[in-house]
């Protein structure tokens, strides 16, 4: 049930260092559902353990060479809890925080760095 957020974990990708949720439990998120990086997006996940595929947000200028950083994060999600994802590019990590806190609940490491116009992330 998506109308009762006390029964699910709420995951937001809006933060100081935004990222894109690209997959959950080794299933890619449909490209149509990958949000605009400048708009807050919320995902509802069932409680329990999940593995997230996460990427950095490419900047908007198509003529500059650029890469995206690809991360894998494993975490246990609690019923009714609210979480925020953010990138820590200086340490090549992504962090999951409780909403309103700066203390990480879980973190994941970078697994790939992909040229934006040549290929997508390699998650394995």
N, C-alpha and C. Protein backbone atom coordinates (compact mmCIF):
# COMPACT_ATOMS: atom_id res chain seq x y z
N UNK A 1 0.85 -1.19 0.00
CA UNK A 1 0.00 0.00 0.00
C UNK A 1 0.89 1.24 0.00
N UNK A 2 0.71 2.08 -0.97
CA UNK A 2 1.55 3.27 -1.05
C UNK A 2 0.93 4.48 -0.38
N UNK A 3 -0.31 4.37 0.09
CA UNK A 3 -0.92 5.52 0.76
C UNK A 3 -0.64 5.55 2.25
N UNK A 4 0.04 4.56 2.79
CA UNK A 4 0.39 4.53 4.21
C UNK A 4 1.90 4.34 4.34
N UNK A 5 2.62 5.47 4.44
CA UNK A 5 4.08 5.40 4.48
C UNK A 5 4.62 4.83 5.79
N UNK A 6 3.77 4.59 6.78
CA UNK A 6 4.25 3.97 8.01
C UNK A 6 4.53 2.47 7.80
N UNK A 7 4.07 1.92 6.68
CA UNK A 7 4.27 0.49 6.40
C UNK A 7 5.45 0.21 5.48
N UNK A 8 6.08 1.26 4.96
CA UNK A 8 7.19 1.11 4.03
C UNK A 8 8.35 2.00 4.44
N UNK A 9 9.49 1.84 3.83
CA UNK A 9 10.62 2.76 4.01
C UNK A 9 10.55 3.80 2.89
N UNK A 10 10.80 5.04 3.23
CA UNK A 10 10.75 6.14 2.26
C UNK A 10 12.18 6.57 1.97
N UNK A 11 12.54 6.56 0.70
CA UNK A 11 13.90 6.90 0.27
C UNK A 11 13.83 8.10 -0.66
N UNK A 12 14.57 9.15 -0.32
CA UNK A 12 14.61 10.36 -1.14
C UNK A 12 15.99 10.51 -1.75
N UNK A 13 16.05 11.07 -2.93
CA UNK A 13 17.35 11.32 -3.54
C UNK A 13 17.70 12.79 -3.56
N UNK A 14 16.92 13.62 -2.88
CA UNK A 14 17.27 15.04 -2.85
C UNK A 14 18.23 15.31 -1.69
N UNK A 15 19.33 15.96 -1.99
CA UNK A 15 20.35 16.21 -0.99
C UNK A 15 21.30 17.27 -1.52
N UNK A 16 22.33 17.55 -0.75
CA UNK A 16 23.37 18.49 -1.20
C UNK A 16 24.15 17.95 -2.38
N UNK A 17 24.31 16.62 -2.43
CA UNK A 17 25.04 15.95 -3.51
C UNK A 17 24.13 14.89 -4.11
N UNK A 18 23.23 15.28 -5.04
CA UNK A 18 22.21 14.34 -5.53
C UNK A 18 22.78 13.19 -6.33
N UNK A 19 22.05 12.10 -6.32
CA UNK A 19 22.38 10.89 -7.08
C UNK A 19 21.10 10.38 -7.73
N UNK A 20 21.26 9.41 -8.61
CA UNK A 20 20.12 8.78 -9.26
C UNK A 20 20.04 7.32 -8.84
N UNK A 21 18.87 6.89 -8.41
CA UNK A 21 18.64 5.48 -8.10
C UNK A 21 18.43 4.77 -9.43
N UNK A 22 19.31 3.82 -9.76
CA UNK A 22 19.27 3.17 -11.06
C UNK A 22 18.78 1.74 -11.00
N UNK A 23 18.77 1.13 -9.79
CA UNK A 23 18.30 -0.24 -9.69
C UNK A 23 18.09 -0.65 -8.25
N UNK A 24 17.20 -1.61 -8.04
CA UNK A 24 16.92 -2.16 -6.71
C UNK A 24 16.95 -3.68 -6.83
N UNK A 25 17.75 -4.29 -5.96
CA UNK A 25 17.86 -5.76 -5.92
C UNK A 25 18.17 -6.37 -7.28
N UNK A 26 19.16 -5.79 -7.95
CA UNK A 26 19.67 -6.24 -9.25
C UNK A 26 18.64 -6.13 -10.37
N UNK A 27 17.64 -5.29 -10.20
CA UNK A 27 16.67 -5.01 -11.26
C UNK A 27 16.76 -3.52 -11.59
N UNK A 28 17.10 -3.20 -12.83
CA UNK A 28 17.22 -1.78 -13.20
C UNK A 28 15.89 -1.05 -13.06
N UNK A 29 15.98 0.21 -12.68
CA UNK A 29 14.81 1.09 -12.68
C UNK A 29 14.61 1.50 -14.14
N UNK A 30 13.40 1.42 -14.62
CA UNK A 30 13.11 1.77 -16.00
C UNK A 30 13.61 3.18 -16.29
N UNK A 31 14.24 3.37 -17.46
CA UNK A 31 14.78 4.67 -17.84
C UNK A 31 13.71 5.75 -17.82
N UNK A 32 12.48 5.38 -18.08
CA UNK A 32 11.39 6.35 -18.05
C UNK A 32 11.17 6.86 -16.64
N UNK A 33 11.48 6.03 -15.65
CA UNK A 33 11.23 6.39 -14.26
C UNK A 33 12.41 7.06 -13.57
N UNK A 34 13.55 7.19 -14.26
CA UNK A 34 14.68 7.89 -13.66
C UNK A 34 14.34 9.37 -13.67
N UNK A 35 14.36 10.01 -12.52
CA UNK A 35 13.82 11.36 -12.40
C UNK A 35 14.74 12.43 -12.96
N UNK A 36 14.17 13.61 -13.06
CA UNK A 36 14.93 14.81 -13.34
C UNK A 36 15.80 15.09 -12.13
N UNK A 37 17.07 15.33 -12.33
CA UNK A 37 18.00 15.52 -11.21
C UNK A 37 17.72 16.79 -10.42
N UNK A 38 16.93 17.69 -10.95
CA UNK A 38 16.67 18.94 -10.26
C UNK A 38 15.31 18.96 -9.56
N UNK A 39 14.69 17.80 -9.47
CA UNK A 39 13.39 17.69 -8.81
C UNK A 39 13.49 16.62 -7.73
N UNK A 40 12.89 16.86 -6.59
CA UNK A 40 12.90 15.87 -5.51
C UNK A 40 12.09 14.64 -5.93
N UNK A 41 12.65 13.47 -5.67
CA UNK A 41 11.99 12.22 -6.01
C UNK A 41 11.98 11.34 -4.77
N UNK A 42 10.87 10.62 -4.57
CA UNK A 42 10.73 9.75 -3.41
C UNK A 42 10.40 8.34 -3.90
N UNK A 43 11.06 7.35 -3.29
CA UNK A 43 10.81 5.94 -3.60
C UNK A 43 10.29 5.28 -2.34
N UNK A 44 9.37 4.35 -2.50
CA UNK A 44 8.85 3.56 -1.39
C UNK A 44 9.38 2.14 -1.54
N UNK A 45 10.05 1.65 -0.49
CA UNK A 45 10.63 0.31 -0.52
C UNK A 45 10.03 -0.53 0.60
N UNK A 46 9.90 -1.81 0.35
CA UNK A 46 9.44 -2.70 1.40
C UNK A 46 10.52 -2.77 2.48
N UNK A 47 10.12 -2.95 3.74
CA UNK A 47 11.12 -3.09 4.80
C UNK A 47 11.99 -4.31 4.57
N UNK A 48 13.22 -4.25 5.07
CA UNK A 48 14.13 -5.38 4.94
C UNK A 48 15.38 -5.00 4.16
N UNK A 49 16.20 -6.00 3.85
CA UNK A 49 17.46 -5.73 3.14
C UNK A 49 17.23 -5.50 1.64
N UNK A 50 17.97 -4.56 1.09
CA UNK A 50 17.94 -4.27 -0.35
C UNK A 50 19.34 -3.89 -0.81
N UNK A 51 19.61 -4.15 -2.08
CA UNK A 51 20.84 -3.70 -2.72
C UNK A 51 20.46 -2.65 -3.75
N UNK A 52 21.06 -1.47 -3.65
CA UNK A 52 20.73 -0.36 -4.54
C UNK A 52 21.87 -0.11 -5.52
N UNK A 53 21.51 0.16 -6.78
CA UNK A 53 22.46 0.63 -7.78
C UNK A 53 22.23 2.12 -7.90
N UNK A 54 23.28 2.89 -7.75
CA UNK A 54 23.17 4.34 -7.68
C UNK A 54 24.24 4.95 -8.57
N UNK A 55 23.90 6.05 -9.25
CA UNK A 55 24.92 6.74 -10.05
C UNK A 55 24.92 8.22 -9.73
N UNK A 56 26.04 8.86 -10.02
CA UNK A 56 26.13 10.30 -9.88
C UNK A 56 25.28 10.94 -10.99
N UNK A 57 25.06 12.22 -10.87
CA UNK A 57 24.26 12.94 -11.86
C UNK A 57 25.21 13.62 -12.85
N UNK A 58 25.11 13.29 -14.14
CA UNK A 58 25.97 13.98 -15.10
C UNK A 58 25.53 15.44 -15.24
N UNK A 59 26.48 16.31 -15.52
CA UNK A 59 26.11 17.70 -15.72
C UNK A 59 25.58 17.88 -17.13
N UNK A 60 24.92 18.99 -17.36
CA UNK A 60 24.10 19.13 -18.56
C UNK A 60 24.78 19.56 -19.84
N UNK A 61 26.07 19.79 -19.86
CA UNK A 61 26.70 20.27 -21.09
C UNK A 61 27.18 19.09 -21.93
N UNK A 62 26.57 18.85 -23.09
CA UNK A 62 26.88 17.64 -23.87
C UNK A 62 28.24 17.66 -24.57
N UNK A 63 28.89 18.81 -24.71
CA UNK A 63 30.14 18.86 -25.46
C UNK A 63 31.37 18.62 -24.60
N UNK A 64 31.22 18.68 -23.29
CA UNK A 64 32.36 18.43 -22.40
C UNK A 64 32.45 16.95 -22.09
N UNK A 65 33.65 16.38 -22.15
CA UNK A 65 33.78 14.96 -21.77
C UNK A 65 33.45 14.81 -20.29
N UNK A 66 32.69 13.80 -19.98
CA UNK A 66 32.30 13.60 -18.59
C UNK A 66 32.08 12.13 -18.30
N UNK A 67 32.14 11.80 -17.04
CA UNK A 67 31.90 10.44 -16.59
C UNK A 67 30.84 10.47 -15.50
N UNK A 68 30.22 9.31 -15.29
CA UNK A 68 29.35 9.14 -14.13
C UNK A 68 30.01 8.12 -13.23
N UNK A 69 29.83 8.31 -11.94
CA UNK A 69 30.35 7.39 -10.95
C UNK A 69 29.22 6.44 -10.55
N UNK A 70 29.54 5.15 -10.45
CA UNK A 70 28.54 4.12 -10.21
C UNK A 70 28.82 3.45 -8.86
N UNK A 71 27.79 3.29 -8.06
CA UNK A 71 27.93 2.78 -6.69
C UNK A 71 26.96 1.63 -6.44
N UNK A 72 27.34 0.76 -5.51
CA UNK A 72 26.44 -0.28 -5.00
C UNK A 72 26.35 -0.09 -3.49
N UNK A 73 25.13 -0.05 -2.98
CA UNK A 73 24.89 0.14 -1.55
C UNK A 73 23.95 -0.96 -1.05
N UNK A 74 24.36 -1.67 -0.02
CA UNK A 74 23.51 -2.68 0.63
C UNK A 74 23.06 -2.10 1.96
N UNK A 75 21.76 -2.19 2.23
CA UNK A 75 21.24 -1.62 3.47
C UNK A 75 19.98 -2.34 3.90
N UNK A 76 19.69 -2.25 5.18
CA UNK A 76 18.44 -2.77 5.73
C UNK A 76 17.53 -1.57 5.96
N UNK A 77 16.34 -1.63 5.39
CA UNK A 77 15.37 -0.55 5.49
C UNK A 77 14.34 -0.89 6.55
N UNK A 78 14.08 0.06 7.43
CA UNK A 78 13.13 -0.12 8.53
C UNK A 78 11.76 0.43 8.14
N UNK A 79 10.73 -0.25 8.58
CA UNK A 79 9.35 0.18 8.34
C UNK A 79 9.11 1.57 8.94
N UNK A 80 8.57 2.49 8.14
CA UNK A 80 8.24 3.84 8.60
C UNK A 80 9.42 4.80 8.65
N UNK A 81 10.63 4.34 8.35
CA UNK A 81 11.81 5.22 8.40
C UNK A 81 11.93 6.00 7.09
N UNK A 82 12.56 7.17 7.20
CA UNK A 82 12.81 8.02 6.03
C UNK A 82 14.31 8.18 5.86
N UNK A 83 14.76 7.95 4.62
CA UNK A 83 16.19 7.99 4.32
C UNK A 83 16.46 8.94 3.16
N UNK A 84 17.70 9.42 3.09
CA UNK A 84 18.16 10.28 2.00
C UNK A 84 19.47 9.70 1.46
N UNK A 85 19.59 9.68 0.15
CA UNK A 85 20.83 9.25 -0.49
C UNK A 85 21.65 10.47 -0.87
N UNK A 86 22.98 10.38 -0.70
CA UNK A 86 23.84 11.45 -1.19
C UNK A 86 25.22 10.90 -1.52
N UNK A 87 25.84 11.55 -2.48
CA UNK A 87 27.17 11.14 -2.91
C UNK A 87 28.24 11.83 -2.06
N UNK A 88 29.30 11.10 -1.79
CA UNK A 88 30.50 11.62 -1.14
C UNK A 88 31.64 11.42 -2.14
N UNK A 89 31.72 12.29 -3.18
CA UNK A 89 32.67 12.05 -4.27
C UNK A 89 34.13 12.11 -3.83
N UNK A 90 34.43 12.86 -2.79
CA UNK A 90 35.82 12.95 -2.32
C UNK A 90 36.34 11.62 -1.80
N UNK A 91 35.44 10.78 -1.28
CA UNK A 91 35.82 9.48 -0.74
C UNK A 91 35.35 8.32 -1.59
N UNK A 92 34.85 8.59 -2.81
CA UNK A 92 34.36 7.57 -3.74
C UNK A 92 33.33 6.66 -3.09
N UNK A 93 32.36 7.28 -2.40
CA UNK A 93 31.31 6.53 -1.70
C UNK A 93 29.97 7.22 -1.91
N UNK A 94 28.92 6.47 -1.65
CA UNK A 94 27.58 7.03 -1.56
C UNK A 94 27.08 6.70 -0.16
N UNK A 95 26.31 7.62 0.42
CA UNK A 95 25.85 7.42 1.79
C UNK A 95 24.33 7.45 1.84
N UNK A 96 23.78 6.67 2.77
CA UNK A 96 22.36 6.73 3.06
C UNK A 96 22.23 7.25 4.48
N UNK A 97 21.48 8.34 4.64
CA UNK A 97 21.31 9.00 5.93
C UNK A 97 19.86 8.92 6.35
N UNK A 98 19.61 8.96 7.66
CA UNK A 98 18.24 9.19 8.12
C UNK A 98 17.90 10.62 7.75
N UNK A 99 16.70 10.85 7.28
CA UNK A 99 16.29 12.20 6.91
C UNK A 99 16.48 13.15 8.09
N UNK A 100 17.14 14.27 7.86
CA UNK A 100 17.37 15.25 8.91
C UNK A 100 18.62 14.99 9.74
N UNK A 101 19.42 14.00 9.37
CA UNK A 101 20.63 13.66 10.11
C UNK A 101 21.82 13.67 9.17
N UNK A 102 23.00 13.90 9.72
CA UNK A 102 24.23 13.82 8.93
C UNK A 102 24.99 12.53 9.18
N UNK A 103 24.44 11.66 10.03
CA UNK A 103 25.10 10.40 10.35
C UNK A 103 24.66 9.32 9.37
N UNK A 104 25.62 8.67 8.70
CA UNK A 104 25.24 7.63 7.73
C UNK A 104 24.68 6.38 8.40
N UNK A 105 23.63 5.85 7.82
CA UNK A 105 23.05 4.57 8.24
C UNK A 105 23.77 3.44 7.50
N UNK A 106 24.13 3.72 6.25
CA UNK A 106 24.84 2.75 5.41
C UNK A 106 25.63 3.52 4.37
N UNK A 107 26.65 2.88 3.83
CA UNK A 107 27.40 3.50 2.74
C UNK A 107 27.79 2.41 1.75
N UNK A 108 28.01 2.85 0.53
CA UNK A 108 28.41 1.92 -0.52
C UNK A 108 29.60 2.46 -1.26
N UNK A 109 30.33 1.58 -1.91
CA UNK A 109 31.54 1.99 -2.59
C UNK A 109 31.33 2.12 -4.09
N UNK A 110 32.23 2.88 -4.71
CA UNK A 110 32.18 3.04 -6.16
C UNK A 110 32.65 1.74 -6.80
N UNK A 111 31.89 1.29 -7.81
CA UNK A 111 32.23 0.05 -8.51
C UNK A 111 32.62 0.29 -9.97
N UNK A 112 32.37 1.51 -10.46
CA UNK A 112 32.68 1.80 -11.86
C UNK A 112 32.68 3.31 -12.06
N UNK A 113 33.36 3.73 -13.12
CA UNK A 113 33.34 5.11 -13.57
C UNK A 113 33.19 5.04 -15.07
N UNK A 114 32.04 5.46 -15.58
CA UNK A 114 31.70 5.22 -16.99
C UNK A 114 31.66 6.52 -17.80
N UNK A 115 32.25 6.53 -19.00
CA UNK A 115 32.11 7.68 -19.89
C UNK A 115 30.64 7.81 -20.31
N UNK A 116 30.06 8.96 -20.09
CA UNK A 116 28.61 9.15 -20.27
C UNK A 116 28.13 8.76 -21.66
N UNK A 117 28.83 9.15 -22.70
CA UNK A 117 28.32 8.93 -24.05
C UNK A 117 28.78 7.61 -24.67
N UNK A 118 29.55 6.82 -23.93
CA UNK A 118 30.05 5.56 -24.49
C UNK A 118 29.37 4.32 -23.93
N UNK A 119 29.05 4.34 -22.62
CA UNK A 119 28.42 3.15 -22.03
C UNK A 119 27.76 3.51 -20.72
N UNK A 120 26.99 2.54 -20.20
CA UNK A 120 26.33 2.71 -18.92
C UNK A 120 27.21 2.08 -17.82
N UNK A 121 26.76 2.18 -16.61
CA UNK A 121 27.50 1.60 -15.47
C UNK A 121 27.57 0.08 -15.57
N UNK A 122 28.66 -0.46 -15.11
CA UNK A 122 28.81 -1.91 -14.94
C UNK A 122 28.70 -2.16 -13.46
N UNK A 123 27.58 -2.72 -13.05
CA UNK A 123 27.29 -2.86 -11.60
C UNK A 123 28.00 -4.02 -10.97
N UNK A 124 28.39 -5.01 -11.70
CA UNK A 124 29.02 -6.21 -11.13
C UNK A 124 30.52 -6.09 -11.22
